[in-house]
Amino acid sequence: MNKDSVQGNLQQAKGAVKETLGKVTGNKSLQAEGMADKAAGKAQESYGDAKEAAKDAADKLRK
């Protein structure tokens, strides 16, 4: 795991909390913000995973 993957996971968790809090309180804006945070977190995690895979592939080619 790299920095982007970890930050993406944290953003997804933050989004899940916001989304749940928005559902419980009936705050549609907070719920939507949580959903957006989760989506952004997933994108950042995927970027981190791809970056890690590219680094691993480059390392294998060097050996």
PDB file of N, CA and C in Angstrom:
ATOM      1  N   MET A   1       0.842  -1.190   0.000  1.00  0.00           N
ATOM      2  CA  MET A   1       0.000   0.000   0.000  1.00  0.00           C
ATOM      3  C   MET A   1       0.880   1.243   0.000  1.00  0.00           C
ATOM      4  N   ASN A   2       0.439   2.233  -0.720  1.00  0.00           N
ATOM      5  CA  ASN A   2       1.170   3.485  -0.751  1.00  0.00           C
ATOM      6  C   ASN A   2       0.294   4.603  -0.185  1.00  0.00           C
ATOM      7  N   LYS A   3       0.839   5.793  -0.194  1.00  0.00           N
ATOM      8  CA  LYS A   3       0.168   6.949   0.404  1.00  0.00           C
ATOM      9  C   LYS A   3      -1.208   7.191  -0.223  1.00  0.00           C
ATOM     10  N   ASP A   4      -1.305   7.086  -1.543  1.00  0.00           N
ATOM     11  CA  ASP A   4      -2.580   7.341  -2.214  1.00  0.00           C
ATOM     12  C   ASP A   4      -3.631   6.307  -1.830  1.00  0.00           C
ATOM     13  N   SER A   5      -3.235   5.054  -1.725  1.00  0.00           N
ATOM     14  CA  SER A   5      -4.176   4.005  -1.344  1.00  0.00           C
ATOM     15  C   SER A   5      -4.715   4.240   0.071  1.00  0.00           C
ATOM     16  N   VAL A   6      -3.817   4.583   0.974  1.00  0.00           N
ATOM     17  CA  VAL A   6      -4.222   4.822   2.366  1.00  0.00           C
ATOM     18  C   VAL A   6      -5.138   6.035   2.458  1.00  0.00           C
ATOM     19  N   GLN A   7      -4.761   7.119   1.793  1.00  0.00           N
ATOM     20  CA  GLN A   7      -5.592   8.315   1.831  1.00  0.00           C
ATOM     21  C   GLN A   7      -6.959   8.057   1.193  1.00  0.00           C
ATOM     22  N   GLY A   8      -6.979   7.254   0.146  1.00  0.00           N
ATOM     23  CA  GLY A   8      -8.249   6.902  -0.486  1.00  0.00           C
ATOM     24  C   GLY A   8      -9.142   6.120   0.458  1.00  0.00           C
ATOM     25  N   ASN A   9      -8.561   5.184   1.192  1.00  0.00           N
ATOM     26  CA  ASN A   9      -9.333   4.417   2.171  1.00  0.00           C
ATOM     27  C   ASN A   9      -9.883   5.322   3.267  1.00  0.00           C
ATOM     28  N   LEU A  10      -9.059   6.254   3.726  1.00  0.00           N
ATOM     29  CA  LEU A  10      -9.513   7.188   4.760  1.00  0.00           C
ATOM     30  C   LEU A  10     -10.646   8.069   4.247  1.00  0.00           C
ATOM     31  N   GLN A  11     -10.530   8.520   3.018  1.00  0.00           N
ATOM     32  CA  GLN A  11     -11.584   9.367   2.447  1.00  0.00           C
ATOM     33  C   GLN A  11     -12.886   8.576   2.283  1.00  0.00           C
ATOM     34  N   GLN A  12     -12.778   7.308   1.914  1.00  0.00           N
ATOM     35  CA  GLN A  12     -13.972   6.475   1.807  1.00  0.00           C
ATOM     36  C   GLN A  12     -14.645   6.315   3.170  1.00  0.00           C
ATOM     37  N   ALA A  13     -13.839   6.115   4.208  1.00  0.00           N
ATOM     38  CA  ALA A  13     -14.392   5.971   5.558  1.00  0.00           C
ATOM     39  C   ALA A  13     -15.074   7.262   5.999  1.00  0.00           C
ATOM     40  N   LYS A  14     -14.425   8.384   5.724  1.00  0.00           N
ATOM     41  CA  LYS A  14     -15.007   9.684   6.071  1.00  0.00           C
ATOM     42  C   LYS A  14     -16.332   9.881   5.328  1.00  0.00           C
ATOM     43  N   GLY A  15     -16.351   9.490   4.065  1.00  0.00           N
ATOM     44  CA  GLY A  15     -17.575   9.607   3.273  1.00  0.00           C
ATOM     45  C   GLY A  15     -18.687   8.730   3.794  1.00  0.00           C
ATOM     46  N   ALA A  16     -18.332   7.527   4.238  1.00  0.00           N
ATOM     47  CA  ALA A  16     -19.344   6.617   4.779  1.00  0.00           C
ATOM     48  C   ALA A  16     -19.970   7.192   6.048  1.00  0.00           C
ATOM     49  N   VAL A  17     -19.139   7.813   6.875  1.00  0.00           N
ATOM     50  CA  VAL A  17     -19.648   8.433   8.103  1.00  0.00           C
ATOM     51  C   VAL A  17     -20.596   9.582   7.756  1.00  0.00           C
ATOM     52  N   LYS A  18     -20.176  10.437   6.828  1.00  0.00           N
ATOM     53  CA  LYS A  18     -21.017  11.567   6.428  1.00  0.00           C
ATOM     54  C   LYS A  18     -22.343  11.078   5.827  1.00  0.00           C
ATOM     55  N   GLU A  19     -22.241  10.061   4.976  1.00  0.00           N
ATOM     56  CA  GLU A  19     -23.449   9.543   4.329  1.00  0.00           C
ATOM     57  C   GLU A  19     -24.415   8.989   5.367  1.00  0.00           C
ATOM     58  N   THR A  20     -23.903   8.213   6.304  1.00  0.00           N
ATOM     59  CA  THR A  20     -24.750   7.637   7.348  1.00  0.00           C
ATOM     60  C   THR A  20     -25.355   8.730   8.221  1.00  0.00           C
ATOM     61  N   LEU A  21     -24.550   9.699   8.605  1.00  0.00           N
ATOM     62  CA  LEU A  21     -25.039  10.800   9.423  1.00  0.00           C
ATOM     63  C   LEU A  21     -26.116  11.581   8.674  1.00  0.00           C
ATOM     64  N   GLY A  22     -25.907  11.772   7.379  1.00  0.00           N
ATOM     65  CA  GLY A  22     -26.917  12.453   6.566  1.00  0.00           C
ATOM     66  C   GLY A  22     -28.215  11.680   6.509  1.00  0.00           C
ATOM     67  N   LYS A  23     -28.135  10.344   6.404  1.00  0.00           N
ATOM     68  CA  LYS A  23     -29.344   9.515   6.383  1.00  0.00           C
ATOM     69  C   LYS A  23     -30.077   9.598   7.709  1.00  0.00           C
ATOM     70  N   VAL A  24     -29.323   9.505   8.805  1.00  0.00           N
ATOM     71  CA  VAL A  24     -29.927   9.503  10.146  1.00  0.00           C
ATOM     72  C   VAL A  24     -30.601  10.835  10.448  1.00  0.00           C
ATOM     73  N   THR A  25     -29.956  11.929  10.065  1.00  0.00           N
ATOM     74  CA  THR A  25     -30.501  13.250  10.374  1.00  0.00           C
ATOM     75  C   THR A  25     -31.452  13.767   9.300  1.00  0.00           C
ATOM     76  N   GLY A  26     -31.526  13.068   8.183  1.00  0.00           N
ATOM     77  CA  GLY A  26     -32.382  13.522   7.089  1.00  0.00           C
ATOM     78  C   GLY A  26     -31.768  14.662   6.295  1.00  0.00           C
ATOM     79  N   ASN A  27     -30.474  14.846   6.420  1.00  0.00           N
ATOM     80  CA  ASN A  27     -29.767  15.919   5.733  1.00  0.00           C
ATOM     81  C   ASN A  27     -29.277  15.389   4.384  1.00  0.00           C
ATOM     82  N   LYS A  28     -30.031  15.680   3.336  1.00  0.00           N
ATOM     83  CA  LYS A  28     -29.706  15.179   1.994  1.00  0.00           C
ATOM     84  C   LYS A  28     -28.377  15.735   1.487  1.00  0.00           C
ATOM     85  N   SER A  29     -28.067  16.958   1.847  1.00  0.00           N
ATOM     86  CA  SER A  29     -26.816  17.572   1.411  1.00  0.00           C
ATOM     87  C   SER A  29     -25.611  16.838   1.997  1.00  0.00           C
ATOM     88  N   LEU A  30     -25.665  16.547   3.282  1.00  0.00           N
ATOM     89  CA  LEU A  30     -24.583  15.826   3.942  1.00  0.00           C
ATOM     90  C   LEU A  30     -24.473  14.409   3.389  1.00  0.00           C
ATOM     91  N   GLN A  31     -25.607  13.796   3.120  1.00  0.00           N
ATOM     92  CA  GLN A  31     -25.614  12.451   2.545  1.00  0.00           C
ATOM     93  C   GLN A  31     -24.953  12.456   1.161  1.00  0.00           C
ATOM     94  N   ALA A  32     -25.287  13.437   0.348  1.00  0.00           N
ATOM     95  CA  ALA A  32     -24.699  13.545  -0.988  1.00  0.00           C
ATOM     96  C   ALA A  32     -23.201  13.836  -0.900  1.00  0.00           C
ATOM     97  N   GLU A  33     -22.814  14.672   0.055  1.00  0.00           N
ATOM     98  CA  GLU A  33     -21.393  14.982   0.243  1.00  0.00           C
ATOM     99  C   GLU A  33     -20.632  13.714   0.633  1.00  0.00           C
ATOM    100  N   GLY A  34     -21.237  12.901   1.474  1.00  0.00           N
ATOM    101  CA  GLY A  34     -20.613  11.639   1.858  1.00  0.00           C
ATOM    102  C   GLY A  34     -20.449  10.694   0.687  1.00  0.00           C
ATOM    103  N   MET A  35     -21.449  10.639  -0.156  1.00  0.00           N
ATOM    104  CA  MET A  35     -21.367   9.776  -1.337  1.00  0.00           C
ATOM    105  C   MET A  35     -20.261  10.264  -2.279  1.00  0.00           C
ATOM    106  N   ALA A  36     -20.141  11.582  -2.416  1.00  0.00           N
ATOM    107  CA  ALA A  36     -19.091  12.142  -3.270  1.00  0.00           C
ATOM    108  C   ALA A  36     -17.709  11.845  -2.681  1.00  0.00           C
ATOM    109  N   ASP A  37     -17.581  11.966  -1.359  1.00  0.00           N
ATOM    110  CA  ASP A  37     -16.310  11.654  -0.705  1.00  0.00           C
ATOM    111  C   ASP A  37     -15.931  10.189  -0.911  1.00  0.00           C
ATOM    112  N   LYS A  38     -16.912   9.312  -0.820  1.00  0.00           N
ATOM    113  CA  LYS A  38     -16.637   7.881  -1.028  1.00  0.00           C
ATOM    114  C   LYS A  38     -16.156   7.628  -2.452  1.00  0.00           C
ATOM    115  N   ALA A  39     -16.797   8.254  -3.420  1.00  0.00           N
ATOM    116  CA  ALA A  39     -16.400   8.071  -4.817  1.00  0.00           C
ATOM    117  C   ALA A  39     -14.986   8.625  -5.059  1.00  0.00           C
ATOM    118  N   ALA A  40     -14.691   9.785  -4.486  1.00  0.00           N
ATOM    119  CA  ALA A  40     -13.357  10.366  -4.640  1.00  0.00           C
ATOM    120  C   ALA A  40     -12.311   9.479  -3.971  1.00  0.00           C
ATOM    121  N   GLY A  41     -12.663   8.909  -2.838  1.00  0.00           N
ATOM    122  CA  GLY A  41     -11.751   8.012  -2.139  1.00  0.00           C
ATOM    123  C   GLY A  41     -11.461   6.753  -2.936  1.00  0.00           C
ATOM    124  N   LYS A  42     -12.500   6.223  -3.562  1.00  0.00           N
ATOM    125  CA  LYS A  42     -12.308   5.033  -4.403  1.00  0.00           C
ATOM    126  C   LYS A  42     -11.383   5.342  -5.578  1.00  0.00           C
ATOM    127  N   ALA A  43     -11.577   6.507  -6.182  1.00  0.00           N
ATOM    128  CA  ALA A  43     -10.733   6.904  -7.310  1.00  0.00           C
ATOM    129  C   ALA A  43      -9.280   7.057  -6.860  1.00  0.00           C
ATOM    130  N   GLN A  44      -9.070   7.684  -5.719  1.00  0.00           N
ATOM    131  CA  GLN A  44      -7.707   7.872  -5.228  1.00  0.00           C
ATOM    132  C   GLN A  44      -7.062   6.538  -4.866  1.00  0.00           C
ATOM    133  N   GLU A  45      -7.841   5.641  -4.270  1.00  0.00           N
ATOM    134  CA  GLU A  45      -7.317   4.318  -3.939  1.00  0.00           C
ATOM    135  C   GLU A  45      -6.935   3.558  -5.210  1.00  0.00           C
ATOM    136  N   SER A  46      -7.781   3.628  -6.225  1.00  0.00           N
ATOM    137  CA  SER A  46      -7.488   2.954  -7.496  1.00  0.00           C
ATOM    138  C   SER A  46      -6.233   3.518  -8.139  1.00  0.00           C
ATOM    139  N   TYR A  47      -6.074   4.839  -8.074  1.00  0.00           N
ATOM    140  CA  TYR A  47      -4.867   5.474  -8.597  1.00  0.00           C
ATOM    141  C   TYR A  47      -3.634   4.956  -7.859  1.00  0.00           C
ATOM    142  N   GLY A  48      -3.734   4.880  -6.541  1.00  0.00           N
ATOM    143  CA  GLY A  48      -2.616   4.383  -5.744  1.00  0.00           C
ATOM    144  C   GLY A  48      -2.279   2.940  -6.069  1.00  0.00           C
ATOM    145  N   ASP A  49      -3.314   2.126  -6.250  1.00  0.00           N
ATOM    146  CA  ASP A  49      -3.096   0.720  -6.594  1.00  0.00           C
ATOM    147  C   ASP A  49      -2.429   0.584  -7.965  1.00  0.00           C
ATOM    148  N   ALA A  50      -2.870   1.396  -8.922  1.00  0.00           N
ATOM    149  CA  ALA A  50      -2.282   1.351 -10.257  1.00  0.00           C
ATOM    150  C   ALA A  50      -0.827   1.818 -10.220  1.00  0.00           C
ATOM    151  N   LYS A  51      -0.574   2.843  -9.439  1.00  0.00           N
ATOM    152  CA  LYS A  51       0.790   3.354  -9.305  1.00  0.00           C
ATOM    153  C   LYS A  51       1.697   2.287  -8.689  1.00  0.00           C
ATOM    154  N   GLU A  52       1.190   1.586  -7.706  1.00  0.00           N
ATOM    155  CA  GLU A  52       1.952   0.515  -7.054  1.00  0.00           C
ATOM    156  C   GLU A  52       2.214  -0.630  -8.030  1.00  0.00           C
ATOM    157  N   ALA A  53       1.203  -0.988  -8.826  1.00  0.00           N
ATOM    158  CA  ALA A  53       1.363  -2.064  -9.803  1.00  0.00           C
ATOM    159  C   ALA A  53       2.394  -1.686 -10.862  1.00  0.00           C
ATOM    160  N   ALA A  54       2.382  -0.439 -11.291  1.00  0.00           N
ATOM    161  CA  ALA A  54       3.358   0.010 -12.282  1.00  0.00           C
ATOM    162  C   ALA A  54       4.773  -0.026 -11.704  1.00  0.00           C
ATOM    163  N   LYS A  55       4.905   0.373 -10.457  1.00  0.00           N
ATOM    164  CA  LYS A  55       6.216   0.338  -9.802  1.00  0.00           C
ATOM    165  C   LYS A  55       6.713  -1.099  -9.676  1.00  0.00           C
ATOM    166  N   ASP A  56       5.818  -2.015  -9.290  1.00  0.00           N
ATOM    167  CA  ASP A  56       6.198  -3.430  -9.177  1.00  0.00           C
ATOM    168  C   ASP A  56       6.622  -3.988 -10.529  1.00  0.00           C
ATOM    169  N   ALA A  57       5.895  -3.642 -11.578  1.00  0.00           N
ATOM    170  CA  ALA A  57       6.235  -4.125 -12.920  1.00  0.00           C
ATOM    171  C   ALA A  57       7.595  -3.582 -13.360  1.00  0.00           C
ATOM    172  N   ALA A  58       7.857  -2.323 -13.070  1.00  0.00           N
ATOM    173  CA  ALA A  58       9.135  -1.718 -13.433  1.00  0.00           C
ATOM    174  C   ALA A  58      10.271  -2.392 -12.649  1.00  0.00           C
ATOM    175  N   ASP A  59      10.029  -2.685 -11.383  1.00  0.00           N
ATOM    176  CA  ASP A  59      11.048  -3.358 -10.577  1.00  0.00           C
ATOM    177  C   ASP A  59      11.368  -4.746 -11.122  1.00  0.00           C
ATOM    178  N   LYS A  60      10.339  -5.461 -11.598  1.00  0.00           N
ATOM    179  CA  LYS A  60      10.559  -6.812 -12.153  1.00  0.00           C
ATOM    180  C   LYS A  60      11.378  -6.738 -13.446  1.00  0.00           C
ATOM    181  N   LEU A  61      11.150  -5.702 -14.230  1.00  0.00           N
ATOM    182  CA  LEU A  61      11.904  -5.560 -15.479  1.00  0.00           C
ATOM    183  C   LEU A  61      13.374  -5.256 -15.233  1.00  0.00           C
ATOM    184  N   ARG A  62      13.668  -4.599 -14.137  1.00  0.00           N
ATOM    185  CA  ARG A  62      15.037  -4.251 -13.821  1.00  0.00           C
ATOM    186  C   ARG A  62      15.847  -5.457 -13.348  1.00  0.00           C
ATOM    187  N   LYS A  63      15.181  -6.485 -12.883  1.00  0.00           N
ATOM    188  CA  LYS A  63      15.884  -7.663 -12.353  1.00  0.00           C
ATOM    189  C   LYS A  63      16.319  -8.591 -13.431  1.00  0.00           C
TER     190      LYS A  63
END
